[in-house]
Protein backbone atom coordinates (compact mmCIF):
# COMPACT_ATOMS: atom_id res chain seq x y z
CA UNK A 1 0.00 0.00 0.00
CA UNK A 2 2.83 2.43 0.82
CA UNK A 3 4.30 2.12 -2.66
CA UNK A 4 0.88 2.68 -4.19
CA UNK A 5 0.31 5.76 -2.02
CA UNK A 6 3.69 7.24 -3.02
CA UNK A 7 2.96 6.58 -6.66
CA UNK A 8 -0.43 8.30 -6.45
CA UNK A 9 1.13 11.25 -4.63
CA UNK A 10 3.64 11.78 -7.44
CA UNK A 11 0.99 11.47 -10.15
CA UNK A 12 -1.39 13.85 -8.40
CA UNK A 13 1.47 16.26 -7.73
CA UNK A 14 2.30 16.40 -11.43
CA UNK A 15 -1.33 17.08 -12.37
CA UNK A 16 -1.89 19.67 -9.62
CA UNK A 17 1.25 21.69 -10.37
CA UNK A 18 0.39 21.60 -14.07
CA UNK A 19 -3.04 23.03 -13.26
CA UNK A 20 -4.74 20.04 -14.87
CA UNK A 21 -7.81 19.48 -12.71
CA UNK A 22 -9.24 16.82 -15.02
CA UNK A 23 -6.13 14.67 -14.87
CA UNK A 24 -5.95 15.24 -11.11
CA UNK A 25 -9.53 14.03 -10.67
CA UNK A 26 -8.74 11.02 -12.87
CA UNK A 27 -5.81 10.16 -10.59
CA UNK A 28 -8.05 10.18 -7.53
CA UNK A 29 -10.87 8.24 -9.15
CA UNK A 30 -8.42 5.67 -10.53
CA UNK A 31 -7.08 5.15 -7.01
CA UNK A 32 -10.64 4.50 -5.81
CA UNK A 33 -11.25 2.06 -8.64
CA UNK A 34 -8.03 0.25 -7.68
CA UNK A 35 -9.38 -0.25 -4.17
CA UNK A 36 -7.56 2.43 -2.19
CA UNK A 37 -9.60 3.30 0.93
CA UNK A 38 -11.19 6.72 0.61
CA UNK A 39 -9.74 8.00 3.86
CA UNK A 40 -6.26 6.89 2.81
CA UNK A 41 -6.71 8.72 -0.46
CA UNK A 42 -7.80 11.89 1.33
CA UNK A 43 -5.25 11.93 4.15
CA UNK A 44 -2.19 10.23 2.66
CA UNK A 45 -2.45 11.38 -0.96
CA UNK A 46 -4.45 14.58 -1.40
CA UNK A 47 -3.40 16.11 1.93
CA UNK A 48 0.22 15.09 1.35
CA UNK A 49 0.24 16.84 -2.02
CA UNK A 50 -1.26 19.98 -0.51
CA UNK A 51 1.36 20.03 2.25
CA UNK A 52 4.06 19.68 -0.37
CA UNK A 53 2.63 22.64 -2.28
CA UNK A 54 3.29 24.93 0.69
CA UNK A 55 6.78 23.61 1.25
CA UNK A 56 7.73 23.96 -2.41
CA UNK A 57 6.45 27.55 -2.54
CA UNK A 58 8.48 28.43 0.56
CA UNK A 59 11.58 26.94 -1.08
CA UNK A 60 10.94 29.01 -4.24
CA UNK A 61 10.35 25.95 -6.37
CA UNK A 62 6.77 27.08 -7.07
CA UNK A 63 5.57 30.57 -7.89
CA UNK A 64 2.65 32.14 -6.06
CA UNK A 65 0.51 31.52 -9.15
CA UNK A 66 1.52 27.85 -9.26
CA UNK A 67 0.82 27.49 -5.52
CA UNK A 68 -2.65 28.98 -5.94
CA UNK A 69 -3.31 26.83 -9.00
CA UNK A 70 -2.25 23.60 -7.30
CA UNK A 71 -4.40 24.41 -4.27
CA UNK A 72 -7.41 25.08 -6.49
CA UNK A 73 -6.86 21.76 -8.27
CA UNK A 74 -6.68 19.90 -4.96
CA UNK A 75 -9.90 21.55 -3.85
CA UNK A 76 -11.55 20.36 -7.06
CA UNK A 77 -10.26 16.85 -6.36
CA UNK A 78 -11.92 16.92 -2.95
CA UNK A 79 -15.16 18.08 -4.54
CA UNK A 80 -14.97 15.38 -7.21
CA UNK A 81 -14.48 12.69 -4.58
CA UNK A 82 -17.26 14.03 -2.39
CA UNK A 83 -19.75 13.67 -5.24
CA UNK A 84 -18.96 10.04 -6.00
CA UNK A 85 -21.87 7.77 -4.96
CA UNK A 86 -19.43 5.23 -3.59
CA UNK A 87 -17.73 7.88 -1.46
CA UNK A 88 -20.50 10.14 -0.32
CA UNK A 89 -20.87 9.80 3.43
CA UNK A 90 -24.36 9.24 4.82
CA UNK A 91 -25.11 10.48 8.34
CA UNK A 92 -25.44 7.57 10.74
CA UNK A 93 -28.36 7.63 13.17
CA UNK A 94 -27.15 8.84 16.54
CA UNK A 95 -23.72 9.90 15.26
CA UNK A 96 -24.41 13.61 15.66
CA UNK A 97 -23.77 16.91 13.91
CA UNK A 98 -20.55 18.92 13.60
CA UNK A 99 -20.04 22.46 12.33
CA UNK A 100 -16.71 22.96 10.55
CA UNK A 101 -15.54 26.51 9.89
CA UNK A 102 -12.48 28.72 9.50
CA UNK A 103 -12.21 31.53 12.02
CA UNK A 104 -12.77 35.09 10.90
CA UNK A 105 -9.96 36.33 8.66
CA UNK A 106 -8.70 32.84 7.81
CA UNK A 107 -8.78 32.19 4.07
CA UNK A 108 -6.82 28.91 4.10
CA UNK A 109 -9.84 26.63 3.94
CA UNK A 110 -8.29 23.41 2.65
CA UNK A 111 -7.63 21.83 6.09
CA UNK A 112 -11.20 22.54 7.19
CA UNK A 113 -12.64 21.15 3.96
CA UNK A 114 -10.52 18.01 4.35
CA UNK A 115 -11.81 17.51 7.89
CA UNK A 116 -15.40 17.97 6.74
CA UNK A 117 -15.03 15.22 4.14
CA UNK A 118 -13.38 12.80 6.59
CA UNK A 119 -16.11 13.39 9.16
CA UNK A 120 -18.79 12.78 6.54
CA UNK A 121 -17.11 9.51 5.65
CA UNK A 122 -17.33 8.51 9.31
CA UNK A 123 -21.05 9.14 9.46
CA UNK A 124 -21.31 12.61 10.94
CA UNK A 125 -23.82 15.18 9.73
CA UNK A 126 -21.44 18.01 8.77
CA UNK A 127 -22.17 21.66 8.17
CA UNK A 128 -19.13 23.01 6.34
CA UNK A 129 -19.17 26.82 6.47
CA UNK A 130 -15.91 27.42 4.59
CA UNK A 131 -13.32 30.17 4.87
CA UNK A 132 -13.35 33.33 6.96
CA UNK A 133 -16.60 32.99 8.90
CA UNK A 134 -17.45 36.07 10.99
CA UNK A 135 -18.09 35.03 14.58
CA UNK A 136 -21.63 36.52 14.81
CA UNK A 137 -22.67 34.50 11.75
CA UNK A 138 -21.06 31.37 13.18
CA UNK A 139 -22.99 31.81 16.42
CA UNK A 140 -26.23 32.41 14.53
CA UNK A 141 -25.66 29.12 12.71
CA UNK A 142 -25.07 27.31 16.00
CA UNK A 143 -28.33 28.69 17.40
CA UNK A 144 -30.18 27.47 14.32
CA UNK A 145 -28.65 23.99 14.03
CA UNK A 146 -27.59 23.10 17.60
CA UNK A 147 -24.60 20.94 16.60
CA UNK A 148 -22.77 18.62 18.98
CA UNK A 149 -19.49 20.48 18.47
CA UNK A 150 -17.80 23.17 16.39
CA UNK A 151 -14.48 22.38 14.70
CA UNK A 152 -12.64 25.66 14.17
CA UNK A 153 -9.64 25.95 11.85
CA UNK A 154 -6.89 28.56 11.84
CA UNK A 155 -3.68 28.36 9.82
CA UNK A 156 -1.98 31.69 10.57
CA UNK A 157 -0.98 32.97 14.00
CA UNK A 158 -2.42 36.48 13.46
CA UNK A 159 -5.85 34.81 13.49
CA UNK A 160 -5.47 33.79 17.15
CA UNK A 161 -7.37 36.77 18.59
CA UNK A 162 -10.28 36.03 16.22
CA UNK A 163 -10.04 32.36 17.15
CA UNK A 164 -10.28 33.29 20.82
CA UNK A 165 -13.45 35.29 20.16
CA UNK A 166 -14.93 32.40 18.18
CA UNK A 167 -14.06 29.82 20.83
CA UNK A 168 -15.60 31.77 23.69
CA UNK A 169 -18.67 32.69 21.64
CA UNK A 170 -19.34 29.09 20.66
CA UNK A 171 -18.98 27.96 24.24
CA UNK A 172 -21.28 30.74 25.44
CA UNK A 173 -24.13 29.11 23.50
CA UNK A 174 -23.25 25.66 24.84
CA UNK A 175 -21.26 24.28 21.89
CA UNK A 176 -17.90 22.63 22.71
CA UNK A 177 -15.00 23.55 20.45
CA UNK A 178 -12.39 21.39 18.75
CA UNK A 179 -9.55 23.58 17.46
CA UNK A 180 -7.10 22.65 14.74
CA UNK A 181 -4.62 24.15 12.32
CA UNK A 182 -1.08 25.50 12.41
CA UNK A 183 -2.15 28.76 14.09
CA UNK A 184 -2.70 26.91 17.37
CA UNK A 185 0.94 25.78 17.60
CA UNK A 186 2.54 22.43 16.80
CA UNK A 187 1.42 21.00 20.14
CA UNK A 188 -1.89 22.85 20.47
CA UNK A 189 -0.55 25.18 23.16
CA UNK A 190 -2.55 28.16 21.96
CA UNK A 191 -5.75 26.12 21.65
CA UNK A 192 -5.44 25.26 25.35
CA UNK A 193 -4.49 28.81 26.27
CA UNK A 194 -7.54 30.21 24.50
CA UNK A 195 -9.84 27.72 26.18
CA UNK A 196 -10.70 25.27 23.40
CA UNK A 197 -12.25 22.06 24.69
CA UNK A 198 -9.99 19.91 22.50
CA UNK A 199 -7.25 20.19 19.89
CA UNK A 200 -6.12 17.94 17.06
CA UNK A 201 -3.04 18.28 14.83
CA UNK A 202 -4.73 17.11 11.62
CA UNK A 203 -7.97 15.88 10.10
CA UNK A 204 -7.37 12.21 10.88
CA UNK A 205 -6.58 12.91 14.53
CA UNK A 206 -9.64 15.17 14.81
CA UNK A 207 -11.90 12.47 13.40
CA UNK A 208 -10.38 9.91 15.78
CA UNK A 209 -10.95 12.23 18.72
CA UNK A 210 -14.58 12.78 17.76
CA UNK A 211 -15.16 9.04 17.27
CA UNK A 212 -15.89 8.75 20.98
CA UNK A 213 -18.33 11.65 20.77
CA UNK A 214 -18.06 15.42 21.06
CA UNK A 215 -15.36 16.69 23.43
CA UNK A 216 -16.53 17.38 26.98
CA UNK A 217 -16.56 21.00 28.01
CA UNK A 218 -13.37 22.01 29.80
CA UNK A 219 -13.62 24.13 32.93
CA UNK A 220 -13.33 27.75 31.91
CA UNK A 221 -9.65 28.74 32.20
CA UNK A 222 -8.65 31.75 34.23
CA UNK A 223 -8.16 34.64 31.85
CA UNK A 224 -4.41 35.23 31.48
CA UNK A 225 -3.77 38.92 32.07
CA UNK A 226 -1.81 39.38 28.83
CA UNK A 227 -4.67 38.43 26.51
CA UNK A 228 -5.74 41.65 24.78
CA UNK A 229 -3.50 43.55 27.22
CA UNK A 230 -2.50 47.20 26.82
CA UNK A 231 0.53 46.54 24.60
CA UNK A 232 -1.52 44.40 22.24
CA UNK A 233 -4.31 46.99 22.18
CA UNK A 234 -1.89 49.87 21.54
CA UNK A 235 -0.11 48.00 18.74
CA UNK A 236 -3.43 47.05 17.15
CA UNK A 237 -4.58 50.67 17.19
CA UNK A 238 -1.34 52.00 15.70
CA UNK A 239 -0.62 49.11 13.29
CA UNK A 240 -1.57 50.88 10.05
CA UNK A 241 0.47 53.99 10.83
CA UNK A 242 3.35 51.86 12.10
CA UNK A 243 3.47 49.73 8.97
CA UNK A 244 3.42 52.78 6.71
CA UNK A 245 6.18 54.53 8.64
CA UNK A 246 8.45 51.49 8.83
CA UNK A 247 7.94 50.68 5.13
CA UNK A 248 8.84 54.25 4.15
CA UNK A 249 11.93 54.20 6.33
CA UNK A 250 12.94 50.84 4.89
CA UNK A 251 12.81 52.10 1.32
CA UNK A 252 14.95 55.09 2.35
CA UNK A 253 17.52 52.96 4.18
CA UNK A 254 17.65 50.27 1.49
CA UNK A 255 16.82 52.09 -1.76
CA UNK A 256 17.59 49.09 -3.92
CA UNK A 257 14.92 47.07 -2.11
CA UNK A 258 11.87 48.03 -4.18
CA UNK A 259 13.54 47.11 -7.52
CA UNK A 260 14.76 43.85 -5.96
CA UNK A 261 11.22 42.97 -4.88
CA UNK A 262 9.88 43.80 -8.33
CA UNK A 263 12.58 41.77 -10.04
CA UNK A 264 11.91 38.73 -7.85
CA UNK A 265 8.11 39.17 -7.92
CA UNK A 266 7.93 39.29 -4.13
CA UNK A 267 5.11 41.81 -3.90
CA UNK A 268 5.99 44.96 -1.94
CA UNK A 269 8.13 45.49 1.17
CA UNK A 270 5.10 46.96 3.00
CA UNK A 271 3.40 43.57 2.77
CA UNK A 272 6.26 41.95 4.65
CA UNK A 273 6.28 44.75 7.23
CA UNK A 274 2.56 44.27 7.78
CA UNK A 275 3.02 40.53 8.23
CA UNK A 276 5.80 41.12 10.77
CA UNK A 277 3.61 43.53 12.75
CA UNK A 278 0.68 41.10 12.63
CA UNK A 279 2.81 38.29 14.05
CA UNK A 280 4.20 40.57 16.72
CA UNK A 281 0.62 41.38 17.73
CA UNK A 282 -0.21 37.68 17.90
CA UNK A 283 2.86 36.98 20.03
CA UNK A 284 1.85 39.75 22.41
CA UNK A 285 -1.69 38.37 22.57
CA UNK A 286 -0.53 34.93 23.75
CA UNK A 287 2.61 36.25 25.49
CA UNK A 288 4.97 33.93 23.63
CA UNK A 289 8.20 35.39 22.21
CA UNK A 290 8.89 32.07 20.49
CA UNK A 291 5.89 32.61 18.21
CA UNK A 292 7.44 35.78 16.85
CA UNK A 293 11.01 34.45 16.68
CA UNK A 294 9.86 31.35 14.81
CA UNK A 295 8.00 33.47 12.30
CA UNK A 296 11.05 35.70 11.73
CA UNK A 297 13.19 32.61 11.21
CA UNK A 298 10.69 31.20 8.69
CA UNK A 299 10.49 34.54 6.90
CA UNK A 300 14.28 34.74 6.67
CA UNK A 301 14.36 31.31 5.05
CA UNK A 302 11.62 32.21 2.59
CA UNK A 303 13.22 35.52 1.63
CA UNK A 304 16.57 33.79 1.22
CA UNK A 305 15.02 31.19 -1.06
CA UNK A 306 13.18 33.88 -3.03
CA UNK A 307 16.11 36.20 -3.61
CA UNK A 308 18.67 36.23 -0.84
CA UNK A 309 17.69 39.54 0.77
CA UNK A 310 16.58 38.77 4.38
CA UNK A 311 19.38 40.68 6.13
CA UNK A 312 18.60 43.81 4.14
CA UNK A 313 14.91 43.52 5.05
CA UNK A 314 14.47 41.95 8.44
CA UNK A 315 17.09 43.71 10.54
CA UNK A 316 16.13 47.26 9.47
CA UNK A 317 12.44 46.44 9.92
CA UNK A 318 12.95 45.01 13.40
CA UNK A 319 15.16 47.94 14.40
CA UNK A 320 12.68 50.49 13.06
CA UNK A 321 9.85 48.80 14.95
CA UNK A 322 11.84 48.85 18.18
CA UNK A 323 12.54 52.58 17.71
CA UNK A 324 8.81 53.23 17.38
CA UNK A 325 7.71 51.13 20.38
CA UNK A 326 9.71 52.56 23.31
CA UNK A 327 6.79 52.19 25.71
CA UNK A 328 6.18 48.50 24.98
CA UNK A 329 8.65 46.48 27.10
CA UNK A 330 7.30 43.05 26.14
CA UNK A 331 7.37 43.93 22.46
CA UNK A 332 10.96 45.18 22.79
CA UNK A 333 12.03 41.86 24.33
CA UNK A 334 10.40 39.99 21.45
CA UNK A 335 11.99 42.27 18.87
CA UNK A 336 15.39 41.81 20.50
CA UNK A 337 15.16 38.03 20.30
CA UNK A 338 13.95 38.26 16.72
CA UNK A 339 16.91 40.45 15.77
CA UNK A 340 19.24 37.75 17.09
CA UNK A 341 17.44 35.23 14.89
CA UNK A 342 17.70 37.49 11.84
CA UNK A 343 21.42 38.05 12.45
CA UNK A 344 22.02 34.31 12.74
CA UNK A 345 20.43 33.83 9.32
CA UNK A 346 22.60 36.59 7.92
CA UNK A 347 25.79 34.99 9.23
CA UNK A 348 24.71 31.41 8.60
CA UNK A 349 24.83 30.47 12.29
CA UNK A 350 21.36 28.91 12.07
CA UNK A 351 22.77 26.31 9.67
CA UNK A 352 25.56 25.30 12.03
CA UNK A 353 23.09 25.00 14.91
CA UNK A 354 20.89 22.68 12.84
CA UNK A 355 23.76 20.53 11.62
């Protein structure tokens, strides 16, 4: 079976990166006809290809357009499988109902869609609400349908404040919450911090967890004082002005930067500054400097792969942010650690530490 799975992964990868949704669907349907279990096809083939798409983009072996195209093809593959009579899950009596949704602001819907299809295969009645669901609309849906649990997905750390609002709002109407996605940390630490009733690292684990029934409600955690604290609130209020000021200073300090971005099709420096500020806000929200340092390290690797310019971008940005946040001691500590990370990428020390 492992050899067959690897073979299907390579074939689907070729079709997805070529943007050939018809060939991609044929690969999946051929695997079904050959007897591959549907859940294996979803979790070990389609999900594996989608994970590889992200890794290859980060390594600059796929363009943004190719990454978007491959993701769209994989979404079409999921839809094609879901409409096959032999695949379509039928709710089992007594199994229950689950709402699956991405938190507000989260556009990466593939993990949530994958979970919805796996849960349907296992007999759950699933309401899949898709990407970027505003919390009031999510709560209105829960009032109308009264599901056994809500499975909330978040892929990016800046969505953690919105995830917190969604978690507490769902629980306020009596619906337990299963959280999942990379935003909640590799070990689910932020899901626990924000009060989710359960966490799962992937769709298969989430379905296994729900097999015994919806998660029991956890006792309400004491509210950590840093959540939505004054530094987070101040940075949120000033974010737009801060991003504009830092981006302008960056283009003055590194005048060759804008042409370099254009040449390498990296968007605009202001987009990277905004992403850095957003991750700093998220780190302040959960009071975890490692969240911000890890993001800076990842960004350095991506920028290196996409043109070799991280030292000329990250260090000036982090220094300019620190200059503009003198009254934010926690933010300054996080920025200091992140500058050490950026310097290590510039000198290559991060490679020696990993060796």
